[in-house]
Amino acid sequence: MKTGERYNNYDMDGDFVSYIRMIEDQKLNVYDQEGNQLGYGKMIDKHRFNIYNMDGNLTSHGIRKDGPAYNLFDNDGDQIGYGNQA
């Protein structure tokens, strides 16, 4: 994931729910469909990132597969969605 890139997030039904924008090296913001910021996050390593709500609570995490695709999981480890580069 590189600065400026956008990644769309989908729920398990395939509906668009939000997007991620890399704002700087290792940091990202999460936005709803209207562009309102929902949260932020940071890369843990090359394949994993955490997402926090605006209160700073961990809400989910992503694990990248090969290429720009990734799966999203809740805090219990259940898959809640997936994403890919826009």
N, C-alpha and C. Protein backbone atom coordinates (compact mmCIF):
# COMPACT_ATOMS: atom_id res chain seq x y z
N MET A 1 0.85 -1.17 0.00
CA MET A 1 0.00 0.00 0.00
C MET A 1 0.90 1.23 0.00
N LYS A 2 0.61 2.15 -0.91
CA LYS A 2 1.45 3.32 -1.07
C LYS A 2 0.66 4.60 -0.83
N THR A 3 1.34 5.66 -0.42
CA THR A 3 0.72 6.95 -0.15
C THR A 3 -0.12 7.39 -1.33
N GLY A 4 -1.36 7.83 -1.04
CA GLY A 4 -2.27 8.33 -2.06
C GLY A 4 -3.17 7.28 -2.66
N GLU A 5 -2.85 6.03 -2.51
CA GLU A 5 -3.67 4.97 -3.09
C GLU A 5 -4.99 4.82 -2.33
N ARG A 6 -6.03 4.43 -3.08
CA ARG A 6 -7.34 4.19 -2.49
C ARG A 6 -7.68 2.70 -2.62
N TYR A 7 -8.32 2.18 -1.56
CA TYR A 7 -8.74 0.79 -1.51
C TYR A 7 -10.21 0.76 -1.07
N ASN A 8 -11.05 0.10 -1.82
CA ASN A 8 -12.47 -0.01 -1.48
C ASN A 8 -12.72 -1.22 -0.60
N ASN A 9 -13.61 -1.03 0.39
CA ASN A 9 -13.98 -2.09 1.32
C ASN A 9 -15.41 -2.53 1.04
N TYR A 10 -15.64 -3.85 1.08
CA TYR A 10 -16.94 -4.44 0.81
C TYR A 10 -17.32 -5.36 1.96
N ASP A 11 -18.62 -5.45 2.23
CA ASP A 11 -19.06 -6.42 3.24
C ASP A 11 -19.13 -7.80 2.59
N MET A 12 -19.54 -8.79 3.36
CA MET A 12 -19.52 -10.16 2.86
C MET A 12 -20.57 -10.41 1.77
N ASP A 13 -21.52 -9.47 1.61
CA ASP A 13 -22.50 -9.57 0.53
C ASP A 13 -22.01 -8.89 -0.75
N GLY A 14 -20.84 -8.27 -0.68
CA GLY A 14 -20.28 -7.60 -1.85
C GLY A 14 -20.70 -6.15 -1.99
N ASP A 15 -21.34 -5.58 -0.97
CA ASP A 15 -21.76 -4.19 -1.01
C ASP A 15 -20.63 -3.28 -0.55
N PHE A 16 -20.43 -2.18 -1.28
CA PHE A 16 -19.42 -1.19 -0.92
C PHE A 16 -19.81 -0.55 0.40
N VAL A 17 -18.88 -0.49 1.37
CA VAL A 17 -19.19 0.08 2.68
C VAL A 17 -18.28 1.24 3.07
N SER A 18 -17.06 1.26 2.59
CA SER A 18 -16.13 2.33 2.95
C SER A 18 -14.89 2.23 2.06
N TYR A 19 -13.99 3.19 2.24
CA TYR A 19 -12.73 3.08 1.54
C TYR A 19 -11.59 3.55 2.42
N ILE A 20 -10.41 3.07 2.08
CA ILE A 20 -9.17 3.41 2.78
C ILE A 20 -8.33 4.27 1.84
N ARG A 21 -7.73 5.30 2.39
CA ARG A 21 -6.77 6.10 1.63
C ARG A 21 -5.47 6.12 2.44
N MET A 22 -4.40 5.73 1.78
CA MET A 22 -3.08 5.80 2.43
C MET A 22 -2.68 7.27 2.46
N ILE A 23 -2.48 7.83 3.67
CA ILE A 23 -2.19 9.26 3.79
C ILE A 23 -0.70 9.55 3.90
N GLU A 24 0.04 8.60 4.39
CA GLU A 24 1.50 8.70 4.43
C GLU A 24 2.04 7.31 4.69
N ASP A 25 3.32 7.19 4.67
CA ASP A 25 3.94 5.88 4.84
C ASP A 25 3.45 5.22 6.12
N GLN A 26 2.85 4.06 5.99
CA GLN A 26 2.38 3.20 7.09
C GLN A 26 1.12 3.72 7.79
N LYS A 27 0.51 4.84 7.33
CA LYS A 27 -0.70 5.38 7.97
C LYS A 27 -1.83 5.48 6.95
N LEU A 28 -3.05 5.26 7.42
CA LEU A 28 -4.21 5.30 6.54
C LEU A 28 -5.40 5.91 7.25
N ASN A 29 -6.36 6.41 6.46
CA ASN A 29 -7.63 6.88 6.98
C ASN A 29 -8.74 6.07 6.33
N VAL A 30 -9.87 5.92 7.05
CA VAL A 30 -11.02 5.19 6.55
C VAL A 30 -12.18 6.18 6.41
N TYR A 31 -12.87 6.12 5.26
CA TYR A 31 -13.96 7.05 4.96
C TYR A 31 -15.21 6.29 4.55
N ASP A 32 -16.39 6.90 4.81
CA ASP A 32 -17.63 6.32 4.33
C ASP A 32 -17.85 6.72 2.87
N GLN A 33 -18.99 6.34 2.33
CA GLN A 33 -19.27 6.58 0.92
C GLN A 33 -19.32 8.07 0.57
N GLU A 34 -19.66 8.91 1.53
CA GLU A 34 -19.74 10.36 1.29
C GLU A 34 -18.42 11.08 1.55
N GLY A 35 -17.40 10.35 1.97
CA GLY A 35 -16.09 10.95 2.23
C GLY A 35 -15.88 11.43 3.65
N ASN A 36 -16.78 11.08 4.56
CA ASN A 36 -16.62 11.43 5.98
C ASN A 36 -15.68 10.43 6.63
N GLN A 37 -14.72 10.93 7.41
CA GLN A 37 -13.76 10.03 8.04
C GLN A 37 -14.42 9.22 9.14
N LEU A 38 -14.28 7.90 9.06
CA LEU A 38 -14.81 6.98 10.06
C LEU A 38 -13.76 6.55 11.07
N GLY A 39 -12.50 6.55 10.64
CA GLY A 39 -11.43 6.08 11.50
C GLY A 39 -10.09 6.23 10.82
N TYR A 40 -9.12 5.55 11.38
CA TYR A 40 -7.75 5.63 10.87
C TYR A 40 -7.06 4.30 11.14
N GLY A 41 -5.89 4.15 10.64
CA GLY A 41 -5.19 2.91 10.86
C GLY A 41 -3.71 3.02 10.59
N LYS A 42 -3.06 1.90 10.76
CA LYS A 42 -1.62 1.86 10.49
C LYS A 42 -1.22 0.46 10.06
N MET A 43 -0.23 0.41 9.25
CA MET A 43 0.33 -0.86 8.80
C MET A 43 1.13 -1.46 9.96
N ILE A 44 0.97 -2.75 10.17
CA ILE A 44 1.75 -3.46 11.18
C ILE A 44 3.01 -4.02 10.52
N ASP A 45 2.81 -4.57 9.35
CA ASP A 45 3.93 -5.05 8.54
C ASP A 45 3.46 -5.02 7.08
N LYS A 46 4.16 -5.67 6.22
CA LYS A 46 3.87 -5.62 4.78
C LYS A 46 2.48 -6.16 4.43
N HIS A 47 1.94 -7.06 5.25
CA HIS A 47 0.68 -7.73 4.91
C HIS A 47 -0.47 -7.48 5.88
N ARG A 48 -0.24 -6.78 6.98
CA ARG A 48 -1.29 -6.62 7.98
C ARG A 48 -1.44 -5.15 8.39
N PHE A 49 -2.69 -4.75 8.66
CA PHE A 49 -2.95 -3.40 9.16
C PHE A 49 -4.10 -3.43 10.15
N ASN A 50 -4.10 -2.48 11.08
CA ASN A 50 -5.16 -2.32 12.07
C ASN A 50 -5.98 -1.09 11.72
N ILE A 51 -7.29 -1.14 12.04
CA ILE A 51 -8.18 -0.01 11.83
C ILE A 51 -8.82 0.36 13.17
N TYR A 52 -8.82 1.65 13.48
CA TYR A 52 -9.36 2.18 14.73
C TYR A 52 -10.50 3.15 14.41
N ASN A 53 -11.50 3.24 15.31
CA ASN A 53 -12.52 4.26 15.12
C ASN A 53 -11.98 5.61 15.59
N MET A 54 -12.77 6.66 15.47
CA MET A 54 -12.27 8.00 15.80
C MET A 54 -12.00 8.16 17.29
N ASP A 55 -12.51 7.26 18.12
CA ASP A 55 -12.22 7.29 19.55
C ASP A 55 -10.94 6.54 19.90
N GLY A 56 -10.30 5.93 18.90
CA GLY A 56 -9.05 5.23 19.13
C GLY A 56 -9.19 3.77 19.49
N ASN A 57 -10.41 3.23 19.37
CA ASN A 57 -10.65 1.83 19.68
C ASN A 57 -10.42 0.96 18.45
N LEU A 58 -9.69 -0.13 18.63
CA LEU A 58 -9.46 -1.07 17.54
C LEU A 58 -10.79 -1.68 17.13
N THR A 59 -11.14 -1.56 15.84
CA THR A 59 -12.42 -2.09 15.36
C THR A 59 -12.25 -3.27 14.43
N SER A 60 -11.15 -3.31 13.69
CA SER A 60 -10.95 -4.40 12.74
C SER A 60 -9.50 -4.43 12.30
N HIS A 61 -9.17 -5.46 11.55
CA HIS A 61 -7.83 -5.54 10.99
C HIS A 61 -7.90 -6.20 9.62
N GLY A 62 -6.93 -5.90 8.81
CA GLY A 62 -6.87 -6.46 7.48
C GLY A 62 -5.62 -7.29 7.28
N ILE A 63 -5.77 -8.31 6.48
CA ILE A 63 -4.64 -9.16 6.12
C ILE A 63 -4.62 -9.24 4.60
N ARG A 64 -3.53 -8.76 4.02
CA ARG A 64 -3.39 -8.76 2.58
C ARG A 64 -3.07 -10.15 2.06
N LYS A 65 -3.66 -10.43 0.92
CA LYS A 65 -3.34 -11.65 0.20
C LYS A 65 -2.27 -11.27 -0.82
N ASP A 66 -2.10 -12.04 -1.84
CA ASP A 66 -1.17 -11.68 -2.89
C ASP A 66 -1.70 -10.46 -3.63
N GLY A 67 -0.83 -9.52 -3.92
CA GLY A 67 -1.24 -8.31 -4.62
C GLY A 67 -1.97 -7.35 -3.70
N PRO A 68 -2.84 -6.48 -4.25
CA PRO A 68 -3.49 -5.44 -3.45
C PRO A 68 -4.75 -5.90 -2.71
N ALA A 69 -5.20 -7.14 -2.91
CA ALA A 69 -6.42 -7.62 -2.26
C ALA A 69 -6.16 -7.97 -0.79
N TYR A 70 -7.20 -7.82 0.04
CA TYR A 70 -7.08 -8.15 1.46
C TYR A 70 -8.43 -8.58 2.00
N ASN A 71 -8.42 -9.24 3.14
CA ASN A 71 -9.63 -9.61 3.88
C ASN A 71 -9.69 -8.79 5.15
N LEU A 72 -10.90 -8.45 5.59
CA LEU A 72 -11.12 -7.68 6.81
C LEU A 72 -11.74 -8.57 7.87
N PHE A 73 -11.27 -8.43 9.11
CA PHE A 73 -11.72 -9.25 10.22
C PHE A 73 -12.09 -8.38 11.41
N ASP A 74 -13.06 -8.81 12.21
CA ASP A 74 -13.39 -8.11 13.44
C ASP A 74 -12.43 -8.53 14.54
N ASN A 75 -12.65 -8.01 15.74
CA ASN A 75 -11.74 -8.30 16.85
C ASN A 75 -11.80 -9.75 17.32
N ASP A 76 -12.84 -10.48 16.93
CA ASP A 76 -12.95 -11.89 17.29
C ASP A 76 -12.31 -12.80 16.25
N GLY A 77 -11.81 -12.20 15.16
CA GLY A 77 -11.18 -12.98 14.11
C GLY A 77 -12.13 -13.48 13.03
N ASP A 78 -13.40 -13.03 13.09
CA ASP A 78 -14.37 -13.41 12.07
C ASP A 78 -14.25 -12.49 10.87
N GLN A 79 -14.30 -13.04 9.68
CA GLN A 79 -14.21 -12.21 8.50
C GLN A 79 -15.48 -11.39 8.33
N ILE A 80 -15.33 -10.05 8.16
CA ILE A 80 -16.47 -9.15 8.02
C ILE A 80 -16.52 -8.53 6.63
N GLY A 81 -15.49 -8.72 5.85
CA GLY A 81 -15.47 -8.15 4.51
C GLY A 81 -14.14 -8.37 3.82
N TYR A 82 -13.98 -7.62 2.74
CA TYR A 82 -12.76 -7.73 1.95
C TYR A 82 -12.55 -6.42 1.20
N GLY A 83 -11.42 -6.27 0.60
CA GLY A 83 -11.14 -5.05 -0.13
C GLY A 83 -10.11 -5.26 -1.22
N ASN A 84 -10.01 -4.22 -2.06
CA ASN A 84 -9.07 -4.25 -3.16
C ASN A 84 -8.77 -2.84 -3.59
N GLN A 85 -7.67 -2.67 -4.29
CA GLN A 85 -7.28 -1.34 -4.76
C GLN A 85 -8.33 -0.83 -5.73
N ALA A 86 -8.70 0.45 -5.59
CA ALA A 86 -9.74 1.05 -6.45
C ALA A 86 -9.16 1.41 -7.80
